[in-house]
Amino acid sequence: MSQFKFSVGPWNIADGTDVYGPATRKPVSFEEKVRRFAELGFSAVQFHDDDAVPDISSKSEKQIVAEAKEMKALLDKYKLKAEFVAPRLWFEPQFRDGAYTAPKKEDWEHAMWRSYRSIDIAHALGCDLIVLWLAREGTLCLESKKPVHAIRQLIESLNRMLAYDKKIRIAIEPKPNEPVDRSYAGTMGHALALASMTDDPKRVGGLVESAHSIIAGLEPAHDMAFALAAGKLWSVHLNDQNGVRFDQDRIFGAENLRSVFNQVKVLMDNGYGSHGEYIGLDVKAMRASSDAYGFKHLENSMKVVELMEEKVRRLDQKAIDAFVAASDYEGLEMHILEHLLRA
């Protein structure tokens, strides 16, 4: 039994469609996803704004709040909470060259409108966390934006959200590439630097996704540690990644069990979850998986977390301290490997 509460987003259940081929599984209704999440033991659901309110930009503010309340009723039906709301600022044509860093004023204003509506939705769903994946905040053509101006515009966007509602918190989810190849905030260090430049730094923190750290060539456990040291790790997305290519969303532990062990260890060692934080999953079923196993990747990822929790509890810290005191790092290396390899 895990000591953590888990959250999951509806996008984690997909039909297998990708840029190279059509669907390989049948679509699953939103309510069926929520029902299965509850059955699997999740405590909360993660939302994009248009997960809660489809076709959001065509609706009035009153309609948006009403539909968000309907979604809250669905969550209540299955005894689930909402962890966060994230404005989806990368699909619409207005965001093709950025949202918060859009060069055109009308596009930036639309990004702010959706951000304010995301805050309204969060209220209706009963949560106070807004997650920003700064997907297109950067450039494909390096000279297309003045970077200092663009970053200041990004900070102004954060300030306006903080001013719109004095109780919301913002968690920045950094990624170094995809869909743009030159991000303005590609790592947790960038995210916390942005937080420090806002009008209310204590309400701006971070969300670490394992794969995004790996894509940046970094160790996810250290990114988590950096945010934990600052008191600003407000969520995590656990998954795995094979190298620095596109975001694969492999199940947690599929590629690097030692890294996975250390991610769970740093969370346990530092009391993550004691203030209500969730372990979020951002994993997708392999395209070759059949309909019967369309939820298995979630179950597997949760199981890996639980197995690693047990490994952390059984770790002999005194033995580690002794190896370090003797400068026997080869011994420590083998001690850890044997610990992970033993049943």
C-alpha atoms as a PDB file:
ATOM      1  CA  MET A   1       0.000   0.000   0.000  1.00  0.00           C
ATOM      2  CA  SER A   2       1.474   3.338  -1.043  1.00  0.00           C
ATOM      3  CA  GLN A   3       1.901   6.212   1.399  1.00  0.00           C
ATOM      4  CA  PHE A   4       1.102   8.620  -1.437  1.00  0.00           C
ATOM      5  CA  LYS A   5      -2.090   9.878  -3.043  1.00  0.00           C
ATOM      6  CA  PHE A   6      -2.151   9.513  -6.843  1.00  0.00           C
ATOM      7  CA  SER A   7      -3.604  11.700  -9.576  1.00  0.00           C
ATOM      8  CA  VAL A   8      -4.064  11.134 -13.295  1.00  0.00           C
ATOM      9  CA  GLY A   9      -5.210  13.076 -16.343  1.00  0.00           C
ATOM     10  CA  PRO A  10      -7.814  11.888 -18.877  1.00  0.00           C
ATOM     11  CA  TRP A  11      -5.210  12.256 -21.655  1.00  0.00           C
ATOM     12  CA  ASN A  12      -3.423   9.250 -20.174  1.00  0.00           C
ATOM     13  CA  ILE A  13      -6.119   7.094 -21.780  1.00  0.00           C
ATOM     14  CA  ALA A  14      -5.722   7.442 -25.540  1.00  0.00           C
ATOM     15  CA  ASP A  15      -6.797   5.536 -28.635  1.00  0.00           C
ATOM     16  CA  GLY A  16      -3.264   5.146 -29.967  1.00  0.00           C
ATOM     17  CA  THR A  17      -3.489   7.751 -32.719  1.00  0.00           C
ATOM     18  CA  ASP A  18      -0.157   9.384 -33.475  1.00  0.00           C
ATOM     19  CA  VAL A  19       1.385  11.428 -36.286  1.00  0.00           C
ATOM     20  CA  TYR A  20       2.320   8.227 -38.088  1.00  0.00           C
ATOM     21  CA  GLY A  21      -0.919   6.281 -37.906  1.00  0.00           C
ATOM     22  CA  PRO A  22      -4.595   6.032 -36.954  1.00  0.00           C
ATOM     23  CA  ALA A  23      -6.270   4.793 -33.800  1.00  0.00           C
ATOM     24  CA  THR A  24      -5.488   1.297 -32.534  1.00  0.00           C
ATOM     25  CA  ARG A  25      -8.013   1.201 -29.673  1.00  0.00           C
ATOM     26  CA  LYS A  26     -11.634   2.207 -29.216  1.00  0.00           C
ATOM     27  CA  PRO A  27     -12.339   5.614 -27.654  1.00  0.00           C
ATOM     28  CA  VAL A  28     -13.313   5.682 -23.974  1.00  0.00           C
ATOM     29  CA  SER A  29     -15.931   8.107 -22.653  1.00  0.00           C
ATOM     30  CA  PHE A  30     -14.901  10.685 -20.069  1.00  0.00           C
ATOM     31  CA  GLU A  31     -17.124   9.208 -17.381  1.00  0.00           C
ATOM     32  CA  GLU A  32     -15.760   5.721 -18.050  1.00  0.00           C
ATOM     33  CA  LYS A  33     -12.239   7.073 -17.591  1.00  0.00           C
ATOM     34  CA  VAL A  34     -13.201   8.680 -14.294  1.00  0.00           C
ATOM     35  CA  ARG A  35     -14.947   5.524 -13.098  1.00  0.00           C
ATOM     36  CA  ARG A  36     -11.913   3.390 -13.894  1.00  0.00           C
ATOM     37  CA  PHE A  37      -9.564   5.906 -12.241  1.00  0.00           C
ATOM     38  CA  ALA A  38     -11.547   5.549  -9.035  1.00  0.00           C
ATOM     39  CA  GLU A  39     -11.486   1.752  -9.285  1.00  0.00           C
ATOM     40  CA  LEU A  40      -7.690   1.772  -9.740  1.00  0.00           C
ATOM     41  CA  GLY A  41      -7.214   3.764  -6.544  1.00  0.00           C
ATOM     42  CA  PHE A  42      -6.559   7.282  -7.795  1.00  0.00           C
ATOM     43  CA  SER A  43      -7.536  10.135  -5.505  1.00  0.00           C
ATOM     44  CA  ALA A  44      -7.642  13.027  -7.969  1.00  0.00           C
ATOM     45  CA  VAL A  45      -7.951  13.962 -11.629  1.00  0.00           C
ATOM     46  CA  GLN A  46      -5.760  16.438 -13.491  1.00  0.00           C
ATOM     47  CA  PHE A  47      -7.506  18.743 -15.975  1.00  0.00           C
ATOM     48  CA  HIS A  48      -6.758  20.910 -18.950  1.00  0.00           C
ATOM     49  CA  ASP A  49      -9.300  23.710 -19.167  1.00  0.00           C
ATOM     50  CA  ASP A  50     -10.999  22.039 -22.141  1.00  0.00           C
ATOM     51  CA  ASP A  51     -11.050  18.638 -20.445  1.00  0.00           C
ATOM     52  CA  ALA A  52     -13.474  20.195 -17.967  1.00  0.00           C
ATOM     53  CA  VAL A  53     -15.214  22.440 -20.517  1.00  0.00           C
ATOM     54  CA  PRO A  54     -14.890  21.199 -24.124  1.00  0.00           C
ATOM     55  CA  ASP A  55     -14.683  23.814 -26.895  1.00  0.00           C
ATOM     56  CA  ILE A  56     -14.065  26.394 -24.211  1.00  0.00           C
ATOM     57  CA  SER A  57     -13.293  29.365 -26.477  1.00  0.00           C
ATOM     58  CA  SER A  58     -16.783  29.268 -28.008  1.00  0.00           C
ATOM     59  CA  LYS A  59     -18.535  29.655 -24.649  1.00  0.00           C
ATOM     60  CA  SER A  60     -19.415  32.508 -22.337  1.00  0.00           C
ATOM     61  CA  GLU A  61     -17.940  32.872 -18.881  1.00  0.00           C
ATOM     62  CA  LYS A  62     -21.303  31.885 -17.386  1.00  0.00           C
ATOM     63  CA  GLN A  63     -21.484  28.736 -19.534  1.00  0.00           C
ATOM     64  CA  ILE A  64     -17.913  27.795 -18.619  1.00  0.00           C
ATOM     65  CA  VAL A  65     -18.581  27.963 -14.888  1.00  0.00           C
ATOM     66  CA  ALA A  66     -21.853  26.021 -15.264  1.00  0.00           C
ATOM     67  CA  GLU A  67     -20.160  23.195 -17.184  1.00  0.00           C
ATOM     68  CA  ALA A  68     -17.272  23.109 -14.725  1.00  0.00           C
ATOM     69  CA  LYS A  69     -19.784  22.617 -11.914  1.00  0.00           C
ATOM     70  CA  GLU A  70     -21.254  19.683 -13.834  1.00  0.00           C
ATOM     71  CA  MET A  71     -17.761  18.175 -13.987  1.00  0.00           C
ATOM     72  CA  LYS A  72     -17.411  18.684 -10.229  1.00  0.00           C
ATOM     73  CA  ALA A  73     -20.615  16.689  -9.757  1.00  0.00           C
ATOM     74  CA  LEU A  74     -19.122  13.862 -11.831  1.00  0.00           C
ATOM     75  CA  LEU A  75     -15.992  13.843  -9.662  1.00  0.00           C
ATOM     76  CA  ASP A  76     -18.137  13.816  -6.529  1.00  0.00           C
ATOM     77  CA  LYS A  77     -20.070  10.836  -7.889  1.00  0.00           C
ATOM     78  CA  TYR A  78     -16.864   8.783  -7.890  1.00  0.00           C
ATOM     79  CA  LYS A  79     -15.374  10.425  -4.764  1.00  0.00           C
ATOM     80  CA  LEU A  80     -12.471  12.026  -6.646  1.00  0.00           C
ATOM     81  CA  LYS A  81     -10.891  15.469  -6.283  1.00  0.00           C
ATOM     82  CA  ALA A  82      -9.459  17.810  -8.907  1.00  0.00           C
ATOM     83  CA  GLU A  83      -5.715  18.322  -8.502  1.00  0.00           C
ATOM     84  CA  PHE A  84      -5.192  21.212 -10.915  1.00  0.00           C
ATOM     85  CA  VAL A  85      -6.369  22.973 -14.054  1.00  0.00           C
ATOM     86  CA  ALA A  86      -3.968  23.769 -16.908  1.00  0.00           C
ATOM     87  CA  PRO A  87      -4.896  26.150 -19.733  1.00  0.00           C
ATOM     88  CA  ARG A  88      -4.233  24.380 -23.041  1.00  0.00           C
ATOM     89  CA  LEU A  89      -2.340  27.177 -24.742  1.00  0.00           C
ATOM     90  CA  TRP A  90      -0.883  25.373 -27.751  1.00  0.00           C
ATOM     91  CA  PHE A  91      -3.709  23.953 -29.917  1.00  0.00           C
ATOM     92  CA  GLU A  92      -5.518  27.054 -31.129  1.00  0.00           C
ATOM     93  CA  PRO A  93      -4.188  28.934 -34.184  1.00  0.00           C
ATOM     94  CA  GLN A  94      -3.705  32.062 -32.031  1.00  0.00           C
ATOM     95  CA  PHE A  95      -0.955  30.242 -30.136  1.00  0.00           C
ATOM     96  CA  ARG A  96       1.130  29.090 -33.091  1.00  0.00           C
ATOM     97  CA  ASP A  97       3.889  31.531 -32.083  1.00  0.00           C
ATOM     98  CA  GLY A  98       3.418  31.394 -28.346  1.00  0.00           C
ATOM     99  CA  ALA A  99       0.674  32.298 -25.896  1.00  0.00           C
ATOM    100  CA  TYR A 100       2.179  34.302 -23.037  1.00  0.00           C
ATOM    101  CA  THR A 101       5.012  35.320 -25.358  1.00  0.00           C
ATOM    102  CA  ALA A 102       2.817  35.841 -28.425  1.00  0.00           C
ATOM    103  CA  PRO A 103       4.081  38.779 -30.524  1.00  0.00           C
ATOM    104  CA  LYS A 104       0.554  39.898 -31.425  1.00  0.00           C
ATOM    105  CA  LYS A 105      -1.421  41.638 -28.668  1.00  0.00           C
ATOM    106  CA  GLU A 106      -4.739  40.021 -29.576  1.00  0.00           C
ATOM    107  CA  ASP A 107      -3.213  36.534 -29.327  1.00  0.00           C
ATOM    108  CA  TRP A 108      -1.679  37.330 -25.939  1.00  0.00           C
ATOM    109  CA  GLU A 109      -5.035  38.689 -24.742  1.00  0.00           C
ATOM    110  CA  HIS A 110      -6.734  35.447 -25.781  1.00  0.00           C
ATOM    111  CA  ALA A 111      -4.125  33.497 -23.818  1.00  0.00           C
ATOM    112  CA  MET A 112      -4.904  35.599 -20.764  1.00  0.00           C
ATOM    113  CA  TRP A 113      -8.653  35.091 -21.279  1.00  0.00           C
ATOM    114  CA  ARG A 114      -8.178  31.313 -21.250  1.00  0.00           C
ATOM    115  CA  SER A 115      -5.926  31.588 -18.210  1.00  0.00           C
ATOM    116  CA  TYR A 116      -8.564  33.525 -16.280  1.00  0.00           C
ATOM    117  CA  ARG A 117     -11.197  30.984 -17.319  1.00  0.00           C
ATOM    118  CA  SER A 118      -8.918  28.190 -16.077  1.00  0.00           C
ATOM    119  CA  ILE A 119      -8.882  29.906 -12.686  1.00  0.00           C
ATOM    120  CA  ASP A 120     -12.689  30.109 -12.768  1.00  0.00           C
ATOM    121  CA  ILE A 121     -12.842  26.389 -13.611  1.00  0.00           C
ATOM    122  CA  ALA A 122     -10.446  25.559 -10.777  1.00  0.00           C
ATOM    123  CA  HIS A 123     -12.763  27.358  -8.361  1.00  0.00           C
ATOM    124  CA  ALA A 124     -15.742  25.396  -9.628  1.00  0.00           C
ATOM    125  CA  LEU A 125     -13.805  22.116  -9.317  1.00  0.00           C
ATOM    126  CA  GLY A 126     -12.635  22.944  -5.795  1.00  0.00           C
ATOM    127  CA  CYS A 127      -8.883  23.273  -6.365  1.00  0.00           C
ATOM    128  CA  ASP A 128      -6.441  26.178  -6.157  1.00  0.00           C
ATOM    129  CA  LEU A 129      -3.572  24.969  -8.368  1.00  0.00           C
ATOM    130  CA  ILE A 130      -3.010  26.172 -11.933  1.00  0.00           C
ATOM    131  CA  VAL A 131      -0.356  24.291 -13.918  1.00  0.00           C
ATOM    132  CA  LEU A 132       1.406  25.976 -16.812  1.00  0.00           C
ATOM    133  CA  TRP A 133       3.114  23.819 -19.406  1.00  0.00           C
ATOM    134  CA  LEU A 134       4.795  26.608 -21.358  1.00  0.00           C
ATOM    135  CA  ALA A 135       4.564  24.622 -24.570  1.00  0.00           C
ATOM    136  CA  ARG A 136       5.161  27.304 -27.186  1.00  0.00           C
ATOM    137  CA  GLU A 137       6.909  29.890 -25.009  1.00  0.00           C
ATOM    138  CA  GLY A 138      10.120  30.037 -26.998  1.00  0.00           C
ATOM    139  CA  THR A 139      10.987  30.069 -30.676  1.00  0.00           C
ATOM    140  CA  LEU A 140      11.378  27.926 -33.741  1.00  0.00           C
ATOM    141  CA  CYS A 141      13.152  30.823 -35.471  1.00  0.00           C
ATOM    142  CA  LEU A 142      15.679  32.213 -33.008  1.00  0.00           C
ATOM    143  CA  GLU A 143      15.494  35.827 -34.202  1.00  0.00           C
ATOM    144  CA  SER A 144      11.686  35.964 -34.348  1.00  0.00           C
ATOM    145  CA  LYS A 145      11.391  37.349 -30.798  1.00  0.00           C
ATOM    146  CA  LYS A 146      13.458  39.587 -28.597  1.00  0.00           C
ATOM    147  CA  PRO A 147      14.073  37.144 -25.745  1.00  0.00           C
ATOM    148  CA  VAL A 148      14.366  39.649 -22.892  1.00  0.00           C
ATOM    149  CA  HIS A 149      11.116  41.319 -23.920  1.00  0.00           C
ATOM    150  CA  ALA A 150       9.408  37.938 -24.348  1.00  0.00           C
ATOM    151  CA  ILE A 151      10.467  36.727 -20.898  1.00  0.00           C
ATOM    152  CA  ARG A 152       9.268  39.973 -19.317  1.00  0.00           C
ATOM    153  CA  GLN A 153       5.942  39.500 -21.109  1.00  0.00           C
ATOM    154  CA  LEU A 154       5.786  35.985 -19.657  1.00  0.00           C
ATOM    155  CA  ILE A 155       6.368  37.362 -16.168  1.00  0.00           C
ATOM    156  CA  GLU A 156       3.651  39.984 -16.739  1.00  0.00           C
ATOM    157  CA  SER A 157       1.276  37.162 -17.698  1.00  0.00           C
ATOM    158  CA  LEU A 158       2.015  35.365 -14.432  1.00  0.00           C
ATOM    159  CA  ASN A 159       1.498  38.597 -12.492  1.00  0.00           C
ATOM    160  CA  ARG A 160      -1.905  39.159 -14.080  1.00  0.00           C
ATOM    161  CA  MET A 161      -3.015  35.658 -13.150  1.00  0.00           C
ATOM    162  CA  LEU A 162      -1.835  36.169  -9.571  1.00  0.00           C
ATOM    163  CA  ALA A 163      -3.711  39.468  -9.420  1.00  0.00           C
ATOM    164  CA  TYR A 164      -6.896  37.949 -10.901  1.00  0.00           C
ATOM    165  CA  ASP A 165      -7.213  35.666  -7.879  1.00  0.00           C
ATOM    166  CA  LYS A 166      -5.281  36.153  -4.643  1.00  0.00           C
ATOM    167  CA  LYS A 167      -5.669  32.522  -3.551  1.00  0.00           C
ATOM    168  CA  ILE A 168      -4.531  30.527  -6.562  1.00  0.00           C
ATOM    169  CA  ARG A 169      -1.077  28.999  -6.855  1.00  0.00           C
ATOM    170  CA  ILE A 170       0.773  28.518 -10.128  1.00  0.00           C
ATOM    171  CA  ALA A 171       3.035  25.528 -10.828  1.00  0.00           C
ATOM    172  CA  ILE A 172       5.273  25.817 -13.879  1.00  0.00           C
ATOM    173  CA  GLU A 173       5.975  22.536 -15.667  1.00  0.00           C
ATOM    174  CA  PRO A 174       9.224  23.050 -17.604  1.00  0.00           C
ATOM    175  CA  LYS A 175      10.301  21.262 -20.765  1.00  0.00           C
ATOM    176  CA  PRO A 176      13.354  22.084 -22.906  1.00  0.00           C
ATOM    177  CA  ASN A 177      11.827  21.268 -26.297  1.00  0.00           C
ATOM    178  CA  GLU A 178       8.713  20.086 -28.129  1.00  0.00           C
ATOM    179  CA  PRO A 179       6.800  21.652 -29.667  1.00  0.00           C
ATOM    180  CA  VAL A 180       9.319  24.515 -29.843  1.00  0.00           C
ATOM    181  CA  ASP A 181      13.001  23.643 -29.928  1.00  0.00           C
ATOM    182  CA  ARG A 182      14.200  26.685 -27.953  1.00  0.00           C
ATOM    183  CA  SER A 183      12.226  27.068 -24.746  1.00  0.00           C
ATOM    184  CA  TYR A 184      12.437  30.167 -22.551  1.00  0.00           C
ATOM    185  CA  ALA A 185      11.898  28.057 -19.410  1.00  0.00           C
ATOM    186  CA  GLY A 186      13.260  24.610 -20.112  1.00  0.00           C
ATOM    187  CA  THR A 187      14.266  23.440 -16.627  1.00  0.00           C
ATOM    188  CA  MET A 188      13.142  23.647 -13.021  1.00  0.00           C
ATOM    189  CA  GLY A 189      15.846  26.229 -12.432  1.00  0.00           C
ATOM    190  CA  HIS A 190      14.243  28.462 -15.059  1.00  0.00           C
ATOM    191  CA  ALA A 191      10.797  27.882 -13.544  1.00  0.00           C
ATOM    192  CA  LEU A 192      11.903  28.931 -10.053  1.00  0.00           C
ATOM    193  CA  ALA A 193      13.782  31.907 -11.467  1.00  0.00           C
ATOM    194  CA  LEU A 194      10.541  33.031 -13.126  1.00  0.00           C
ATOM    195  CA  ALA A 195       8.758  32.580  -9.804  1.00  0.00           C
ATOM    196  CA  SER A 196      11.274  34.858  -8.083  1.00  0.00           C
ATOM    197  CA  MET A 197      10.600  37.624 -10.609  1.00  0.00           C
ATOM    198  CA  THR A 198       6.835  37.704 -10.095  1.00  0.00           C
ATOM    199  CA  ASP A 199       4.922  40.031  -7.789  1.00  0.00           C
ATOM    200  CA  ASP A 200       4.118  37.167  -5.391  1.00  0.00           C
ATOM    201  CA  PRO A 201       6.899  34.527  -5.557  1.00  0.00           C
ATOM    202  CA  LYS A 202       5.474  32.468  -2.707  1.00  0.00           C
ATOM    203  CA  ARG A 203       2.498  31.538  -4.913  1.00  0.00           C
ATOM    204  CA  VAL A 204       4.562  30.339  -7.882  1.00  0.00           C
ATOM    205  CA  GLY A 205       6.266  26.955  -7.788  1.00  0.00           C
ATOM    206  CA  GLY A 206       6.974  23.994 -10.001  1.00  0.00           C
ATOM    207  CA  LEU A 207       5.891  20.628 -11.321  1.00  0.00           C
ATOM    208  CA  VAL A 208       8.643  18.183 -12.277  1.00  0.00           C
ATOM    209  CA  GLU A 209       7.962  15.619 -14.985  1.00  0.00           C
ATOM    210  CA  SER A 210      10.524  12.814 -15.069  1.00  0.00           C
ATOM    211  CA  ALA A 211      10.724  12.656 -18.874  1.00  0.00           C
ATOM    212  CA  HIS A 212      11.173  16.411 -19.253  1.00  0.00           C
ATOM    213  CA  SER A 213      14.214  16.348 -16.970  1.00  0.00           C
ATOM    214  CA  ILE A 214      15.674  13.432 -18.919  1.00  0.00           C
ATOM    215  CA  ILE A 215      15.130  15.249 -22.212  1.00  0.00           C
ATOM    216  CA  ALA A 216      17.155  18.139 -20.776  1.00  0.00           C
ATOM    217  CA  GLY A 217      19.936  15.686 -19.914  1.00  0.00           C
ATOM    218  CA  LEU A 218      19.242  16.037 -16.183  1.00  0.00           C
ATOM    219  CA  GLU A 219      18.478  13.654 -13.332  1.00  0.00           C
ATOM    220  CA  PRO A 220      14.790  13.929 -12.367  1.00  0.00           C
ATOM    221  CA  ALA A 221      15.534  13.246  -8.693  1.00  0.00           C
ATOM    222  CA  HIS A 222      17.826  16.288  -8.603  1.00  0.00           C
ATOM    223  CA  ASP A 223      15.228  18.502 -10.276  1.00  0.00           C
ATOM    224  CA  MET A 224      12.765  17.360  -7.631  1.00  0.00           C
ATOM    225  CA  ALA A 225      15.359  18.015  -4.930  1.00  0.00           C
ATOM    226  CA  PHE A 226      15.958  21.536  -6.236  1.00  0.00           C
ATOM    227  CA  ALA A 227      12.254  22.377  -6.011  1.00  0.00           C
ATOM    228  CA  LEU A 228      11.913  20.632  -2.639  1.00  0.00           C
ATOM    229  CA  ALA A 229      14.826  22.648  -1.232  1.00  0.00           C
ATOM    230  CA  ALA A 230      12.989  25.806  -2.275  1.00  0.00           C
ATOM    231  CA  GLY A 231       9.695  24.556  -0.795  1.00  0.00           C
ATOM    232  CA  LYS A 232       8.144  24.714  -4.253  1.00  0.00           C
ATOM    233  CA  LEU A 233       7.573  21.168  -5.487  1.00  0.00           C
ATOM    234  CA  TRP A 234       3.808  21.288  -5.765  1.00  0.00           C
ATOM    235  CA  SER A 235       3.285  18.325  -8.079  1.00  0.00           C
ATOM    236  CA  VAL A 236       5.159  15.654  -9.992  1.00  0.00           C
ATOM    237  CA  HIS A 237       4.455  13.741 -13.197  1.00  0.00           C
ATOM    238  CA  LEU A 238       6.152  10.388 -12.978  1.00  0.00           C
ATOM    239  CA  ASN A 239       6.974   8.525 -16.191  1.00  0.00           C
ATOM    240  CA  ASP A 240      10.072   7.368 -18.050  1.00  0.00           C
ATOM    241  CA  GLN A 241      11.957   8.251 -21.173  1.00  0.00           C
ATOM    242  CA  ASN A 242      14.359   6.587 -23.597  1.00  0.00           C
ATOM    243  CA  GLY A 243      16.927   9.295 -24.333  1.00  0.00           C
ATOM    244  CA  VAL A 244      16.547  12.911 -25.425  1.00  0.00           C
ATOM    245  CA  ARG A 245      14.006  12.395 -28.174  1.00  0.00           C
ATOM    246  CA  PHE A 246      10.317  13.362 -28.160  1.00  0.00           C
ATOM    247  CA  ASP A 247       8.267  12.978 -24.975  1.00  0.00           C
ATOM    248  CA  GLN A 248       7.471   9.259 -24.792  1.00  0.00           C
ATOM    249  CA  ASP A 249       5.454   9.016 -21.553  1.00  0.00           C
ATOM    250  CA  ARG A 250       6.681   5.477 -20.864  1.00  0.00           C
ATOM    251  CA  ILE A 251       5.477   3.811 -17.681  1.00  0.00           C
ATOM    252  CA  PHE A 252       7.394   4.757 -14.555  1.00  0.00           C
ATOM    253  CA  GLY A 253      10.463   2.525 -14.362  1.00  0.00           C
ATOM    254  CA  ALA A 254      10.373   1.265 -17.945  1.00  0.00           C
ATOM    255  CA  GLU A 255      13.889   2.528 -18.712  1.00  0.00           C
ATOM    256  CA  ASN A 256      15.942   3.352 -15.605  1.00  0.00           C
ATOM    257  CA  LEU A 257      15.066   1.655 -12.347  1.00  0.00           C
ATOM    258  CA  ARG A 258      17.897   3.320 -10.416  1.00  0.00           C
ATOM    259  CA  SER A 259      16.676   6.785 -11.366  1.00  0.00           C
ATOM    260  CA  VAL A 260      13.128   5.765 -10.480  1.00  0.00           C
ATOM    261  CA  PHE A 261      14.348   4.522  -7.090  1.00  0.00           C
ATOM    262  CA  ASN A 262      16.026   7.851  -6.402  1.00  0.00           C
ATOM    263  CA  GLN A 263      12.965   9.826  -7.475  1.00  0.00           C
ATOM    264  CA  VAL A 264      10.799   7.963  -4.989  1.00  0.00           C
ATOM    265  CA  LYS A 265      13.549   8.226  -2.365  1.00  0.00           C
ATOM    266  CA  VAL A 266      13.877  11.998  -2.603  1.00  0.00           C
ATOM    267  CA  LEU A 267      10.111  12.376  -2.305  1.00  0.00           C
ATOM    268  CA  MET A 268       9.942  10.081   0.731  1.00  0.00           C
ATOM    269  CA  ASP A 269      13.017  11.536   2.420  1.00  0.00           C
ATOM    270  CA  ASN A 270      11.595  15.040   2.254  1.00  0.00           C
ATOM    271  CA  GLY A 271       7.996  14.480   3.260  1.00  0.00           C
ATOM    272  CA  TYR A 272       6.445  15.025  -0.149  1.00  0.00           C
ATOM    273  CA  GLY A 273       2.700  14.584   0.128  1.00  0.00           C
ATOM    274  CA  SER A 274       2.492  15.751   3.731  1.00  0.00           C
ATOM    275  CA  HIS A 275       0.917  19.036   2.619  1.00  0.00           C
ATOM    276  CA  GLY A 276      -1.619  17.401   0.317  1.00  0.00           C
ATOM    277  CA  GLU A 277       0.581  16.998  -2.763  1.00  0.00           C
ATOM    278  CA  TYR A 278      -0.197  14.185  -5.188  1.00  0.00           C
ATOM    279  CA  ILE A 279       2.003  11.854  -7.166  1.00  0.00           C
ATOM    280  CA  GLY A 280       0.713  12.457 -10.667  1.00  0.00           C
ATOM    281  CA  LEU A 281       1.202  10.083 -13.557  1.00  0.00           C
ATOM    282  CA  ASP A 282       1.726  11.187 -17.145  1.00  0.00           C
ATOM    283  CA  VAL A 283       1.983   7.875 -18.960  1.00  0.00           C
ATOM    284  CA  LYS A 284       0.375   6.464 -22.082  1.00  0.00           C
ATOM    285  CA  ALA A 285      -0.361   2.913 -23.140  1.00  0.00           C
ATOM    286  CA  MET A 286       1.882   1.628 -25.893  1.00  0.00           C
ATOM    287  CA  ARG A 287       0.215   1.979 -29.268  1.00  0.00           C
ATOM    288  CA  ALA A 288       0.421  -1.786 -29.783  1.00  0.00           C
ATOM    289  CA  SER A 289      -1.634  -2.494 -26.636  1.00  0.00           C
ATOM    290  CA  SER A 290      -5.135  -3.832 -27.201  1.00  0.00           C
ATOM    291  CA  ASP A 291      -8.353  -2.440 -25.744  1.00  0.00           C
ATOM    292  CA  ALA A 292      -8.284  -4.960 -22.898  1.00  0.00           C
ATOM    293  CA  TYR A 293      -5.075  -3.392 -21.569  1.00  0.00           C
ATOM    294  CA  GLY A 294      -5.824   0.288 -22.167  1.00  0.00           C
ATOM    295  CA  PHE A 295      -5.539   1.081 -18.428  1.00  0.00           C
ATOM    296  CA  LYS A 296      -2.749  -1.361 -17.554  1.00  0.00           C
ATOM    297  CA  HIS A 297       0.012   1.269 -17.872  1.00  0.00           C
ATOM    298  CA  LEU A 298      -1.548   3.238 -15.020  1.00  0.00           C
ATOM    299  CA  GLU A 299      -1.795   0.193 -12.792  1.00  0.00           C
ATOM    300  CA  ASN A 300       1.802  -0.761 -13.614  1.00  0.00           C
ATOM    301  CA  SER A 301       3.161   2.715 -12.846  1.00  0.00           C
ATOM    302  CA  MET A 302       1.435   2.830  -9.467  1.00  0.00           C
ATOM    303  CA  LYS A 303       2.807  -0.631  -8.689  1.00  0.00           C
ATOM    304  CA  VAL A 304       6.368   0.498  -9.503  1.00  0.00           C
ATOM    305  CA  VAL A 305       5.993   3.426  -7.092  1.00  0.00           C
ATOM    306  CA  GLU A 306       4.849   1.044  -4.358  1.00  0.00           C
ATOM    307  CA  LEU A 307       7.719  -1.392  -5.039  1.00  0.00           C
ATOM    308  CA  MET A 308      10.233   1.454  -4.876  1.00  0.00           C
ATOM    309  CA  GLU A 309       8.698   2.747  -1.650  1.00  0.00           C
ATOM    310  CA  GLU A 310       9.452  -0.627  -0.106  1.00  0.00           C
ATOM    311  CA  LYS A 311      13.025  -0.497  -1.451  1.00  0.00           C
ATOM    312  CA  VAL A 312      13.487   2.924   0.128  1.00  0.00           C
ATOM    313  CA  ARG A 313      12.129   1.767   3.489  1.00  0.00           C
ATOM    314  CA  ARG A 314      14.517  -1.188   3.530  1.00  0.00           C
ATOM    315  CA  LEU A 315      17.594   0.841   2.568  1.00  0.00           C
ATOM    316  CA  ASP A 316      20.320   0.786   5.240  1.00  0.00           C
ATOM    317  CA  GLN A 317      21.353   4.425   5.615  1.00  0.00           C
ATOM    318  CA  LYS A 318      24.024   3.519   8.185  1.00  0.00           C
ATOM    319  CA  ALA A 319      25.697   1.290   5.612  1.00  0.00           C
ATOM    320  CA  ILE A 320      25.636   4.137   3.096  1.00  0.00           C
ATOM    321  CA  ASP A 321      27.149   6.506   5.638  1.00  0.00           C
ATOM    322  CA  ALA A 322      29.908   3.986   6.341  1.00  0.00           C
ATOM    323  CA  PHE A 323      30.799   3.650   2.672  1.00  0.00           C
ATOM    324  CA  VAL A 324      30.967   7.450   2.322  1.00  0.00           C
ATOM    325  CA  ALA A 325      33.078   7.808   5.488  1.00  0.00           C
ATOM    326  CA  ALA A 326      35.562   5.311   4.057  1.00  0.00           C
ATOM    327  CA  SER A 327      35.458   6.933   0.591  1.00  0.00           C
ATOM    328  CA  ASP A 328      34.476   3.502  -0.719  1.00  0.00           C
ATOM    329  CA  TYR A 329      32.244   4.649  -3.541  1.00  0.00           C
ATOM    330  CA  GLU A 330      32.735   1.461  -5.540  1.00  0.00           C
ATOM    331  CA  GLY A 331      31.411  -0.418  -2.532  1.00  0.00           C
ATOM    332  CA  LEU A 332      28.469   1.939  -2.258  1.00  0.00           C
ATOM    333  CA  GLU A 333      27.723   1.547  -5.955  1.00  0.00           C
ATOM    334  CA  MET A 334      27.523  -2.222  -5.600  1.00  0.00           C
ATOM    335  CA  HIS A 335      25.546  -1.957  -2.366  1.00  0.00           C
ATOM    336  CA  ILE A 336      22.840   0.027  -4.171  1.00  0.00           C
ATOM    337  CA  LEU A 337      22.805  -2.281  -7.189  1.00  0.00           C
ATOM    338  CA  GLU A 338      22.478  -5.357  -4.999  1.00  0.00           C
ATOM    339  CA  HIS A 339      19.700  -3.659  -3.043  1.00  0.00           C
ATOM    340  CA  LEU A 340      17.771  -2.976  -6.237  1.00  0.00           C
ATOM    341  CA  LEU A 341      18.371  -6.422  -7.707  1.00  0.00           C
ATOM    342  CA  ARG A 342      17.366  -8.443  -4.671  1.00  0.00           C
ATOM    343  CA  ALA A 343      13.736  -9.497  -4.327  1.00  0.00           C
END
